[in-house]
Each structure stands twice: as structure tokens, then as C-alpha cells.
Amino acid sequence: MKYTIKDITEADYGCEELPDGAQVMCRLVLETEDGRETVREVPDEKACGAHLAAGQIITDEQIAALQK
């Protein structure tokens, strides 16, 4: 499936701090081809390395590769 990246934000950790050694995650707000919204989280380092940006098209395969 293809998605359009609507927004990229820092994942919400609430009042808690990240546990030692945990990866900082970012939250991808995605729009499906039929207009529905969904959210996926990927490591921030990998998202930055992939140069993700709002308006970009991304696939399930690309998201899965970022989550590994």
C-alpha cells in the first residue's frame, strides 16, 4: 500500500523518560490512498537518514525496512 506522509513528529512518551538504551522514535502521520489516516512509528535516526518529509509517498515495504 502507498501512503502520503502528512506529518512527522516525535513519538509521545507521556510523562515518562525513555529507558536507557531505547531508541528515540518518530511518529509518521500517513494518509492512505482512500483518504484514511494512520500512524506508524519508526526510529528517528532511520527516518532522518531516509530524508523523510511531509508530502512524500512511502510504501509498506519502505516503512517495514525503517522499522528493522
C-alpha atoms as a PDB file:
ATOM      1  CA  MET A   1       0.000   0.000   0.000  1.00  0.00           C
ATOM      2  CA  LYS A   2       1.149   3.577  -0.645  1.00  0.00           C
ATOM      3  CA  TYR A   3       0.788   6.431   1.814  1.00  0.00           C
ATOM      4  CA  THR A   4       1.377  10.165   1.731  1.00  0.00           C
ATOM      5  CA  ILE A   5       3.319  11.473   4.720  1.00  0.00           C
ATOM      6  CA  LYS A   6       1.140  14.181   6.276  1.00  0.00           C
ATOM      7  CA  ASP A   7       3.309  14.975   9.306  1.00  0.00           C
ATOM      8  CA  ILE A   8       6.391  13.768  11.166  1.00  0.00           C
ATOM      9  CA  THR A   9       6.610  14.358  14.904  1.00  0.00           C
ATOM     10  CA  GLU A  10       8.432  12.996  17.917  1.00  0.00           C
ATOM     11  CA  ALA A  11       6.735   9.944  19.385  1.00  0.00           C
ATOM     12  CA  ASP A  12       4.707  10.678  22.515  1.00  0.00           C
ATOM     13  CA  TYR A  13       6.296   9.241  25.641  1.00  0.00           C
ATOM     14  CA  GLY A  14       3.897  10.949  28.034  1.00  0.00           C
ATOM     15  CA  CYS A  15       5.468  11.936  31.362  1.00  0.00           C
ATOM     16  CA  GLU A  16       7.956   9.101  31.151  1.00  0.00           C
ATOM     17  CA  GLU A  17      11.532   9.453  30.018  1.00  0.00           C
ATOM     18  CA  LEU A  18      12.997   6.993  27.568  1.00  0.00           C
ATOM     19  CA  PRO A  19      14.541   3.951  29.245  1.00  0.00           C
ATOM     20  CA  ASP A  20      18.339   3.762  28.996  1.00  0.00           C
ATOM     21  CA  GLY A  21      19.368   2.437  25.608  1.00  0.00           C
ATOM     22  CA  ALA A  22      15.953   2.910  23.997  1.00  0.00           C
ATOM     23  CA  GLN A  23      15.799   4.433  20.527  1.00  0.00           C
ATOM     24  CA  VAL A  24      14.164   7.800  20.006  1.00  0.00           C
ATOM     25  CA  MET A  25      11.170   7.186  17.778  1.00  0.00           C
ATOM     26  CA  CYS A  26       9.334   9.487  15.429  1.00  0.00           C
ATOM     27  CA  ARG A  27       5.689   9.310  14.548  1.00  0.00           C
ATOM     28  CA  LEU A  28       4.644   9.283  10.893  1.00  0.00           C
ATOM     29  CA  VAL A  29       1.111  10.517  10.287  1.00  0.00           C
ATOM     30  CA  LEU A  30       0.122   8.920   6.996  1.00  0.00           C
ATOM     31  CA  GLU A  31      -2.809   9.252   4.624  1.00  0.00           C
ATOM     32  CA  THR A  32      -3.914   6.184   2.691  1.00  0.00           C
ATOM     33  CA  GLU A  33      -4.844   6.303  -0.975  1.00  0.00           C
ATOM     34  CA  ASP A  34      -8.526   6.331   0.004  1.00  0.00           C
ATOM     35  CA  GLY A  35      -8.096   9.278   2.400  1.00  0.00           C
ATOM     36  CA  ARG A  36      -7.921   7.482   5.764  1.00  0.00           C
ATOM     37  CA  GLU A  37      -5.297   8.496   8.323  1.00  0.00           C
ATOM     38  CA  THR A  38      -2.974   6.070  10.085  1.00  0.00           C
ATOM     39  CA  VAL A  39       0.113   6.415  12.289  1.00  0.00           C
ATOM     40  CA  ARG A  40       3.356   4.423  12.295  1.00  0.00           C
ATOM     41  CA  GLU A  41       6.430   4.825  14.469  1.00  0.00           C
ATOM     42  CA  VAL A  42       9.970   4.399  13.188  1.00  0.00           C
ATOM     43  CA  PRO A  43      13.374   5.079  14.741  1.00  0.00           C
ATOM     44  CA  ASP A  44      14.190   8.775  14.434  1.00  0.00           C
ATOM     45  CA  GLU A  45      17.728   8.055  13.244  1.00  0.00           C
ATOM     46  CA  LYS A  46      16.449   5.962  10.322  1.00  0.00           C
ATOM     47  CA  ALA A  47      13.734   8.480   9.408  1.00  0.00           C
ATOM     48  CA  CYS A  48      16.335  11.264   9.275  1.00  0.00           C
ATOM     49  CA  GLY A  49      18.692   9.044   7.277  1.00  0.00           C
ATOM     50  CA  ALA A  50      15.917   8.359   4.758  1.00  0.00           C
ATOM     51  CA  HIS A  51      15.243  12.123   4.448  1.00  0.00           C
ATOM     52  CA  LEU A  52      11.507  11.655   5.008  1.00  0.00           C
ATOM     53  CA  ALA A  53       9.383  14.752   4.503  1.00  0.00           C
ATOM     54  CA  ALA A  54       5.736  15.771   4.533  1.00  0.00           C
ATOM     55  CA  GLY A  55       4.129  15.224   1.138  1.00  0.00           C
ATOM     56  CA  GLN A  56       6.396  12.301   0.273  1.00  0.00           C
ATOM     57  CA  ILE A  57       4.924   8.964  -0.848  1.00  0.00           C
ATOM     58  CA  ILE A  58       6.037   5.918   1.160  1.00  0.00           C
ATOM     59  CA  THR A  59       5.107   2.231   0.916  1.00  0.00           C
ATOM     60  CA  ASP A  60       4.536  -0.525   3.489  1.00  0.00           C
ATOM     61  CA  GLU A  61       7.839  -2.090   2.373  1.00  0.00           C
ATOM     62  CA  GLN A  62       9.758   1.125   2.985  1.00  0.00           C
ATOM     63  CA  ILE A  63       8.176   1.552   6.417  1.00  0.00           C
ATOM     64  CA  ALA A  64       8.988  -2.060   7.336  1.00  0.00           C
ATOM     65  CA  ALA A  65      12.619  -1.534   6.304  1.00  0.00           C
ATOM     66  CA  LEU A  66      12.824   1.546   8.543  1.00  0.00           C
ATOM     67  CA  GLN A  67      11.355  -0.376  11.485  1.00  0.00           C
ATOM     68  CA  LYS A  68      14.042  -3.112  11.359  1.00  0.00           C
END
